[in-house]
Amino acid sequence: MWKWITGALVIALSVVWLSLDKHVRYLILNPPNNLNVLFWTQEQRDAGFQSIDKLPVVPKNNIKKGEDVRPLPKGNPLPLGPDFDALFTSQRIGAMLVLHQGKLRFERYGLDSDAHSKWTSFSVAKSFTSTLVGAALKDGYIKSLDDKVTDYVTSMKGSAYDQVTIKQLITMTSGVAWNEDYLDPNSDVSKFNFHQAEDGLDVTASYMRKLKRDKPPGTFWRYSTGETNLIGLVVRKAVNKPLAEYLSETIWSSIGAESDASWVLGDTGSEIGGCCIQATTRDFLRFGQFILEGARRDGKQVVSEGWVESATTAHVATDSDSEWYGYQWWVNRDGSFEAKGIFGQGIIIDRERGLVIAINGNWPSALGDKEVADKHKLITLIREAIDSEQHITSANP
C-alpha cells in the first residue's frame, strides 16, 4: 500500500513541477543569495525578469485588460541587416517590436522568451504612473499640479516635502536628497525595498518622510525612483483605490491589451509607483501607440486635455546634454521621447515618423555606457531603414 502511495505522490509532485514555468523552475534550482534583484547573477535575471508575474512569493495586484484587443497588423519587414542582428544579440534583448504608422514592421524574441512572456518594466512604470496623474486630473481626483503633495498624503506633513508641489514631484525637482546608485547596496534606491514601515504608515511615506532637503524646491533636477513611488501614493490617496485597479479602468482597458498585467506591491500593500509592471512586450507597444495617439479611447480623451503634449515636453535639464525630462518621460534632442528602465527596458516614441519601439531585455549591467550607446545605434538603424524606404518611395511615385 505504501508503495502505491509513494508512487502516486512522486507522480503528483512531478506533474506539479513540470507545470511550473521553466524560468520559475530555474530560480527554484538556482535561488538568488540576495533578495535585491540588482545583485542577482545574469542567469538569474534572465529567468527572473520574465517570470516575476508567476512567482507566488512576489506580492502584486492584477491589472485587468479590457474586452477588445487592438490588432497589430503586419507591415513589410524592415531591412535591418547584420549590424542590427549583432547589436540585438550583444544587447541581450528578450523582446523587441517596432510599430510604424500602425503596422508591425519588426518582432523578434531572445533569451528564451516569446510573445507571451511578461517582462518586468523597471522604471518604464514611471511613465504609466505619470499618465495616471493625467487621468486623475481629468476625473477630478486631483485638482491641479500646483497642489501640494501633503494635500493628498497628509503623513508627509512636517517632512522635507511640506511645500513641494505635484509638478515639482513629477519633474523630479523637489530638491530633496536621494541616492539612485544601482551598484551601491546602501543607496536609497536599494534600501527602500527593505524598509520596514512605521506602524500605520505606507512604506513609501515612511521612507520618504525621513529624507533631508539639500536644494530649494523647483531649482534642481535629481533622478529619484522614490519620488515616483510618492507620486503613486498621491494618486492612490486621491482616487481611493489601488493603482492597478485605476490603471485598468483608465488605461489598460483603453489600449486594447491582449493580456492582463500585474504591478508589484510594496511592504504595506500599495503598488510601487516607480517600478515593476509586468506585461507582454506587445502590450507595452500598445501603450506606446496609445500615447502617440494622444491617450484617446474611442475618440475620447482618457487624460486631461493637453496632458500628453505637456508630459512629453522638456520641462527641466538633466545631467545629460542630449536629453531633458518631462512628466516622467525622457525627451530627446531630436524630439522623440521615451519611457526608460534599467537593464534595457524601454518604449521609444517618435511622433515625426509615427514610430513606436518597445524593448525588454537584460543588459550585463543596470545602466552601462556601452549598452546605452548600442541601444541608440539600434534605434538609429531602425530610423535609417524607415527613412531610406520612404526616400525610395518618394523618388518612385
Protein backbone atom coordinates (compact mmCIF):
# COMPACT_ATOMS: atom_id res chain seq x y z
CA MET A 1 0.00 0.00 0.00
CA TRP A 2 2.75 2.47 0.98
CA LYS A 3 4.49 1.67 -2.27
CA TRP A 4 1.41 2.73 -4.20
CA ILE A 5 1.01 5.90 -2.10
CA THR A 6 4.68 6.81 -2.56
CA GLY A 7 4.43 6.22 -6.30
CA ALA A 8 1.30 8.37 -6.57
CA LEU A 9 2.95 11.17 -4.57
CA VAL A 10 6.03 11.13 -6.80
CA ILE A 11 3.83 11.31 -9.90
CA ALA A 12 1.78 14.18 -8.42
CA LEU A 13 4.89 16.15 -7.48
CA SER A 14 6.35 15.54 -10.93
CA VAL A 15 3.20 16.88 -12.57
CA VAL A 16 3.29 19.98 -10.35
CA TRP A 17 6.99 20.51 -11.12
CA LEU A 18 6.52 20.18 -14.86
CA SER A 19 3.55 22.54 -14.77
CA LEU A 20 5.76 25.32 -13.43
CA ASP A 21 7.14 27.88 -15.85
CA LYS A 22 10.66 26.89 -16.96
CA HIS A 23 12.10 30.16 -15.65
CA VAL A 24 10.47 29.61 -12.25
CA ARG A 25 11.98 26.12 -12.16
CA TYR A 26 15.41 27.61 -12.87
CA LEU A 27 15.10 30.05 -9.96
CA ILE A 28 13.97 27.26 -7.62
CA LEU A 29 17.02 25.21 -8.56
CA ASN A 30 19.31 28.26 -8.55
CA PRO A 31 17.93 30.55 -5.83
CA PRO A 32 19.48 34.06 -5.54
CA ASN A 33 21.53 34.57 -2.39
CA ASN A 34 20.48 38.23 -2.35
CA LEU A 35 16.87 39.39 -2.26
CA ASN A 36 17.84 42.55 -4.16
CA VAL A 37 17.39 41.83 -7.88
CA LEU A 38 20.10 44.41 -8.67
CA PHE A 39 22.65 41.91 -7.36
CA TRP A 40 21.40 38.70 -8.97
CA THR A 41 23.56 36.84 -11.46
CA GLN A 42 22.90 37.44 -15.14
CA GLU A 43 21.35 33.97 -15.50
CA GLN A 44 19.03 34.60 -12.54
CA ARG A 45 17.97 37.91 -14.08
CA ASP A 46 17.36 36.21 -17.44
CA ALA A 47 14.88 33.93 -15.73
CA GLY A 48 13.55 36.35 -13.15
CA PHE A 49 12.78 39.36 -15.37
CA GLN A 50 10.29 37.29 -17.36
CA SER A 51 8.80 35.27 -14.50
CA ILE A 52 8.09 37.76 -11.71
CA ASP A 53 4.47 37.58 -12.83
CA LYS A 54 4.50 33.86 -11.94
CA LEU A 55 6.45 33.94 -8.67
CA PRO A 56 3.98 33.49 -5.80
CA VAL A 57 6.45 34.96 -3.29
CA VAL A 58 6.26 38.38 -5.01
CA PRO A 59 3.12 40.30 -3.94
CA LYS A 60 1.33 42.02 -6.81
CA ASN A 61 -2.04 43.27 -7.98
CA ASN A 62 -3.62 42.21 -11.24
CA ILE A 63 -4.18 44.79 -13.99
CA LYS A 64 -7.20 43.59 -15.94
CA LYS A 65 -7.40 44.07 -19.67
CA GLY A 66 -10.50 45.29 -21.46
CA GLU A 67 -12.83 43.28 -23.68
CA ASP A 68 -11.42 44.47 -27.01
CA VAL A 69 -7.94 43.57 -28.24
CA ARG A 70 -6.22 46.03 -30.54
CA PRO A 71 -4.80 44.17 -33.54
CA LEU A 72 -1.19 44.69 -34.57
CA PRO A 73 -1.45 44.29 -38.36
CA LYS A 74 1.79 43.28 -40.02
CA GLY A 75 3.55 45.58 -42.44
CA ASN A 76 6.52 44.91 -44.68
CA PRO A 77 9.54 43.65 -42.69
CA LEU A 78 12.20 46.29 -42.11
CA PRO A 79 15.50 45.63 -43.90
CA LEU A 80 17.87 45.91 -40.93
CA GLY A 81 20.92 43.82 -41.84
CA PRO A 82 23.76 42.04 -40.00
CA ASP A 83 24.93 45.07 -37.96
CA PHE A 84 21.49 45.24 -36.40
CA ASP A 85 21.49 41.48 -35.72
CA ALA A 86 24.84 41.71 -33.95
CA LEU A 87 23.64 44.57 -31.75
CA PHE A 88 20.40 42.73 -30.96
CA THR A 89 22.44 39.81 -29.63
CA SER A 90 25.05 41.87 -27.75
CA GLN A 91 22.30 43.94 -26.13
CA ARG A 92 20.83 40.72 -24.70
CA ILE A 93 17.36 41.63 -25.87
CA GLY A 94 14.47 39.44 -24.79
CA ALA A 95 11.87 41.13 -26.99
CA MET A 96 11.84 43.98 -29.48
CA LEU A 97 8.89 45.20 -31.54
CA VAL A 98 8.59 48.08 -34.00
CA LEU A 99 5.25 49.66 -34.91
CA HIS A 100 5.41 52.14 -37.80
CA GLN A 101 2.33 54.02 -38.97
CA GLY A 102 0.22 51.47 -37.08
CA LYS A 103 1.85 48.46 -38.78
CA LEU A 104 4.06 45.89 -37.06
CA ARG A 105 7.33 46.05 -39.00
CA PHE A 106 9.59 44.04 -36.70
CA GLU A 107 9.09 41.47 -33.93
CA ARG A 108 11.88 39.35 -32.50
CA TYR A 109 12.49 37.50 -29.25
CA GLY A 110 15.58 36.30 -27.42
CA LEU A 111 16.75 34.99 -24.04
CA ASP A 112 14.36 32.04 -24.33
CA SER A 113 11.27 34.28 -24.32
CA ASP A 114 8.28 34.55 -26.63
CA ALA A 115 5.25 36.72 -27.40
CA HIS A 116 3.52 35.58 -24.20
CA SER A 117 6.42 36.38 -21.86
CA LYS A 118 5.65 39.14 -19.37
CA TRP A 119 8.71 41.25 -18.64
CA THR A 120 9.14 43.45 -15.61
CA SER A 121 9.28 47.10 -16.62
CA PHE A 122 11.56 48.64 -14.01
CA SER A 123 11.35 52.44 -14.46
CA VAL A 124 9.21 52.22 -17.60
CA ALA A 125 6.46 52.08 -14.96
CA LYS A 126 7.19 55.72 -14.13
CA SER A 127 5.56 56.82 -17.38
CA PHE A 128 2.47 54.76 -16.53
CA THR A 129 2.27 56.42 -13.10
CA SER A 130 2.62 59.82 -14.73
CA THR A 131 -0.22 59.00 -17.11
CA LEU A 132 -2.38 58.08 -14.12
CA VAL A 133 -1.83 61.62 -12.81
CA GLY A 134 -3.21 62.88 -16.13
CA ALA A 135 -6.22 60.59 -15.75
CA ALA A 136 -6.79 61.70 -12.14
CA LEU A 137 -6.74 65.35 -13.26
CA LYS A 138 -9.36 64.63 -15.93
CA ASP A 139 -11.51 62.66 -13.49
CA GLY A 140 -11.31 65.44 -10.90
CA TYR A 141 -9.50 63.42 -8.23
CA ILE A 142 -6.52 65.80 -8.43
CA LYS A 143 -7.35 69.49 -8.81
CA SER A 144 -4.07 70.88 -10.07
CA LEU A 145 -0.37 70.10 -10.45
CA ASP A 146 0.18 73.11 -8.21
CA ASP A 147 -1.43 71.25 -5.31
CA LYS A 148 0.93 70.27 -2.53
CA VAL A 149 1.95 66.66 -2.01
CA THR A 150 0.76 66.98 1.58
CA ASP A 151 -2.75 67.87 0.38
CA TYR A 152 -3.13 64.20 -0.56
CA VAL A 153 -0.58 62.38 1.61
CA THR A 154 -1.06 64.00 4.99
CA SER A 155 1.56 61.77 6.62
CA MET A 156 4.22 63.76 4.69
CA LYS A 157 3.42 66.91 6.70
CA GLY A 158 6.40 68.10 8.70
CA SER A 159 8.85 66.49 6.25
CA ALA A 160 11.07 67.96 3.52
CA TYR A 161 8.06 67.60 1.19
CA ASP A 162 5.96 70.15 3.10
CA GLN A 163 5.97 72.79 0.34
CA VAL A 164 6.64 70.53 -2.65
CA THR A 165 4.02 70.59 -5.41
CA ILE A 166 2.88 67.65 -7.51
CA LYS A 167 4.50 69.31 -10.54
CA GLN A 168 7.84 69.53 -8.74
CA LEU A 169 7.49 65.91 -7.72
CA ILE A 170 6.57 64.72 -11.21
CA THR A 171 9.52 66.59 -12.77
CA MET A 172 11.87 65.36 -10.01
CA THR A 173 12.73 68.88 -8.88
CA SER A 174 11.69 68.63 -5.23
CA GLY A 175 15.22 69.39 -4.03
CA VAL A 176 15.05 66.51 -1.55
CA ALA A 177 18.22 64.38 -1.27
CA TRP A 178 18.16 60.89 -2.81
CA ASN A 179 20.81 58.38 -3.94
CA GLU A 180 19.91 56.37 -7.09
CA ASP A 181 23.21 54.42 -7.39
CA TYR A 182 22.24 50.93 -8.59
CA LEU A 183 25.64 49.47 -7.69
CA ASP A 184 25.56 50.67 -4.08
CA PRO A 185 23.62 48.41 -1.67
CA ASN A 186 23.43 51.37 0.74
CA SER A 187 21.81 53.73 -1.78
CA ASP A 188 18.25 54.91 -1.23
CA VAL A 189 17.00 53.04 -4.31
CA SER A 190 18.38 49.82 -2.84
CA LYS A 191 17.46 50.34 0.81
CA PHE A 192 13.89 51.40 0.02
CA ASN A 193 12.97 47.85 -0.97
CA PHE A 194 13.84 46.55 2.50
CA HIS A 195 12.48 49.40 4.61
CA GLN A 196 10.16 48.44 7.45
CA ALA A 197 7.33 50.95 7.64
CA GLU A 198 6.34 52.64 10.86
CA ASP A 199 3.02 51.48 12.27
CA GLY A 200 0.07 52.88 10.36
CA LEU A 201 2.16 54.40 7.56
CA ASP A 202 2.52 53.40 3.94
CA VAL A 203 6.07 52.19 3.34
CA THR A 204 6.73 54.93 0.77
CA ALA A 205 5.64 57.70 3.11
CA SER A 206 7.57 56.10 5.96
CA TYR A 207 10.83 56.12 3.98
CA MET A 208 10.45 59.40 2.10
CA ARG A 209 9.46 61.48 5.12
CA LYS A 210 12.87 60.81 6.67
CA LEU A 211 14.82 62.33 3.76
CA LYS A 212 16.53 65.71 4.03
CA ARG A 213 16.35 68.73 1.75
CA ASP A 214 19.52 69.95 0.06
CA LYS A 215 18.11 72.30 -2.65
CA PRO A 216 15.17 74.72 -2.79
CA PRO A 217 12.07 73.20 -4.46
CA GLY A 218 11.92 73.68 -8.22
CA THR A 219 15.59 74.63 -8.66
CA PHE A 220 17.41 71.34 -9.21
CA TRP A 221 16.70 68.08 -11.07
CA ARG A 222 17.68 64.80 -9.45
CA TYR A 223 16.54 61.38 -10.68
CA SER A 224 14.65 59.68 -7.86
CA THR A 225 12.62 56.49 -8.04
CA GLY A 226 11.42 57.34 -4.54
CA GLU A 227 9.68 60.44 -5.88
CA THR A 228 7.73 58.37 -8.41
CA ASN A 229 6.80 55.99 -5.62
CA LEU A 230 5.46 59.05 -3.83
CA ILE A 231 3.56 60.16 -6.97
CA GLY A 232 1.95 56.73 -6.97
CA LEU A 233 0.92 57.23 -3.35
CA VAL A 234 -0.54 60.65 -4.18
CA VAL A 235 -2.68 59.09 -6.92
CA ARG A 236 -3.59 56.16 -4.65
CA LYS A 237 -4.84 58.54 -1.95
CA ALA A 238 -6.59 60.81 -4.46
CA VAL A 239 -8.57 58.09 -6.25
CA ASN A 240 -9.02 55.95 -3.11
CA LYS A 241 -8.37 52.67 -4.91
CA PRO A 242 -5.34 50.53 -5.83
CA LEU A 243 -3.23 51.87 -8.69
CA ALA A 244 -3.61 48.59 -10.59
CA GLU A 245 -7.39 48.94 -10.49
CA TYR A 246 -7.29 52.57 -11.62
CA LEU A 247 -4.77 51.73 -14.34
CA SER A 248 -7.08 49.00 -15.59
CA GLU A 249 -10.10 51.31 -15.64
CA THR A 250 -8.42 54.21 -17.39
CA ILE A 251 -5.52 52.93 -19.49
CA TRP A 252 -5.09 49.16 -19.72
CA SER A 253 -8.69 48.73 -20.83
CA SER A 254 -8.18 51.55 -23.35
CA ILE A 255 -5.05 50.37 -25.16
CA GLY A 256 -6.54 47.11 -26.43
CA ALA A 257 -4.21 44.94 -24.33
CA GLU A 258 -4.26 41.26 -25.18
CA SER A 259 -3.22 40.11 -21.69
CA ASP A 260 -3.70 41.08 -18.08
CA ALA A 261 -0.67 42.66 -16.47
CA SER A 262 0.44 42.97 -12.85
CA TRP A 263 2.03 45.54 -10.56
CA VAL A 264 4.40 44.65 -7.71
CA LEU A 265 3.39 45.82 -4.23
CA GLY A 266 5.47 47.41 -1.53
CA ASP A 267 5.73 46.11 2.01
CA THR A 268 2.44 47.72 3.12
CA GLY A 269 0.37 46.56 0.14
CA SER A 270 0.40 49.54 -2.25
CA GLU A 271 1.82 49.40 -5.76
CA ILE A 272 5.40 50.67 -6.20
CA GLY A 273 4.79 53.68 -8.45
CA GLY A 274 8.36 53.86 -9.78
CA CYS A 275 8.79 50.27 -10.82
CA CYS A 276 7.72 46.83 -11.75
CA ILE A 277 4.73 46.46 -14.03
CA GLN A 278 4.78 43.02 -15.64
CA ALA A 279 3.30 42.88 -19.16
CA THR A 280 3.96 41.39 -22.57
CA THR A 281 6.13 43.47 -24.86
CA ARG A 282 3.25 43.53 -27.34
CA ASP A 283 1.14 45.32 -24.72
CA PHE A 284 3.94 47.73 -23.83
CA LEU A 285 3.97 48.53 -27.55
CA ARG A 286 0.21 49.16 -27.49
CA PHE A 287 0.67 51.56 -24.58
CA GLY A 288 3.24 53.45 -26.63
CA GLN A 289 0.84 53.69 -29.57
CA PHE A 290 -1.89 54.88 -27.19
CA ILE A 291 0.39 57.72 -26.07
CA LEU A 292 1.41 58.50 -29.66
CA GLU A 293 -2.29 58.91 -30.47
CA GLY A 294 -2.82 61.34 -27.58
CA ALA A 295 -4.18 58.89 -24.96
CA ARG A 296 -7.63 58.62 -26.51
CA ARG A 297 -10.17 55.83 -26.44
CA ASP A 298 -12.95 55.79 -29.00
CA GLY A 299 -12.08 59.41 -29.78
CA LYS A 300 -12.42 60.48 -26.13
CA GLN A 301 -9.56 61.77 -24.00
CA VAL A 302 -8.54 59.43 -21.16
CA VAL A 303 -6.28 62.06 -19.57
CA SER A 304 -6.76 65.79 -19.08
CA GLU A 305 -6.71 67.99 -22.17
CA GLY A 306 -3.16 68.68 -23.32
CA TRP A 307 -1.66 66.23 -20.83
CA VAL A 308 0.30 64.08 -23.29
CA GLU A 309 1.79 67.11 -25.04
CA SER A 310 2.85 68.66 -21.74
CA ALA A 311 4.06 65.38 -20.23
CA THR A 312 6.33 64.68 -23.19
CA THR A 313 7.72 68.22 -23.43
CA ALA A 314 11.13 69.10 -21.97
CA HIS A 315 10.49 70.85 -18.63
CA VAL A 316 13.89 70.60 -16.94
CA ALA A 317 17.51 69.95 -17.89
CA THR A 318 19.06 66.70 -16.69
CA ASP A 319 22.69 65.72 -16.19
CA SER A 320 22.83 64.79 -19.89
CA ASP A 321 23.33 67.24 -22.75
CA SER A 322 21.22 65.11 -25.12
CA GLU A 323 18.02 64.59 -23.15
CA TRP A 324 15.64 66.50 -20.88
CA TYR A 325 12.88 65.50 -18.51
CA GLY A 326 9.14 65.91 -18.83
CA TYR A 327 6.49 64.40 -16.59
CA GLN A 328 8.29 61.09 -16.02
CA TRP A 329 9.18 60.87 -19.72
CA TRP A 330 12.67 61.38 -21.15
CA VAL A 331 12.69 63.89 -24.02
CA ASN A 332 15.46 63.52 -26.60
CA ARG A 333 17.22 66.23 -28.55
CA ASP A 334 15.56 65.06 -31.80
CA GLY A 335 12.07 65.50 -30.33
CA SER A 336 11.35 61.83 -29.69
CA PHE A 337 10.60 60.75 -26.15
CA GLU A 338 10.76 57.54 -24.17
CA ALA A 339 9.98 55.58 -21.07
CA LYS A 340 13.21 54.03 -19.80
CA GLY A 341 14.04 51.26 -17.37
CA ILE A 342 17.33 49.78 -16.22
CA PHE A 343 18.77 46.67 -17.89
CA GLY A 344 17.47 47.80 -21.29
CA GLN A 345 13.69 48.12 -20.89
CA GLY A 346 12.10 50.92 -22.90
CA ILE A 347 9.30 52.39 -25.00
CA ILE A 348 10.56 54.87 -27.61
CA ILE A 349 8.05 57.13 -29.37
CA ASP A 350 8.91 59.18 -32.46
CA ARG A 351 5.97 61.38 -33.46
CA GLU A 352 7.60 62.63 -36.65
CA ARG A 353 7.88 59.12 -38.08
CA GLY A 354 4.75 57.67 -36.45
CA LEU A 355 7.08 55.18 -34.81
CA VAL A 356 6.84 53.19 -31.56
CA ILE A 357 9.54 50.78 -30.40
CA ALA A 358 9.17 48.54 -27.34
CA ILE A 359 12.23 46.75 -25.93
CA ASN A 360 12.74 44.41 -23.00
CA GLY A 361 15.95 42.64 -22.09
CA ASN A 362 18.74 42.05 -19.62
CA TRP A 363 21.87 44.12 -20.14
CA PRO A 364 25.04 42.90 -18.43
CA SER A 365 24.75 45.92 -16.11
CA ALA A 366 21.86 48.08 -14.98
CA LEU A 367 22.95 51.19 -16.88
CA GLY A 368 26.26 50.78 -18.68
CA ASP A 369 27.59 53.45 -21.04
CA LYS A 370 28.26 50.91 -23.82
CA GLU A 371 24.80 49.39 -23.53
CA VAL A 372 23.17 52.83 -23.70
CA ALA A 373 25.28 53.77 -26.74
CA ASP A 374 24.48 50.48 -28.50
CA LYS A 375 20.78 50.95 -27.82
CA HIS A 376 20.96 54.33 -29.58
CA LYS A 377 22.68 52.60 -32.52
CA LEU A 378 19.83 50.09 -32.74
CA ILE A 379 17.24 52.87 -32.80
CA THR A 380 19.26 54.77 -35.39
CA LEU A 381 19.39 51.72 -37.68
CA ILE A 382 15.61 51.37 -37.46
CA ARG A 383 15.10 55.06 -38.30
CA GLU A 384 17.56 54.88 -41.17
CA ALA A 385 15.77 51.85 -42.62
CA ILE A 386 12.44 53.69 -42.46
CA ASP A 387 13.85 56.93 -43.87
CA SER A 388 15.62 55.10 -46.69
CA GLU A 389 12.43 53.25 -47.57
CA GLN A 390 10.41 56.45 -47.62
CA HIS A 391 13.05 58.18 -49.75
CA ILE A 392 12.88 55.38 -52.30
CA THR A 393 9.07 55.57 -52.31
CA SER A 394 9.05 59.34 -52.84
CA ALA A 395 11.64 59.04 -55.59
CA ASN A 396 9.46 56.50 -57.43
CA PRO A 397 5.88 57.73 -57.08
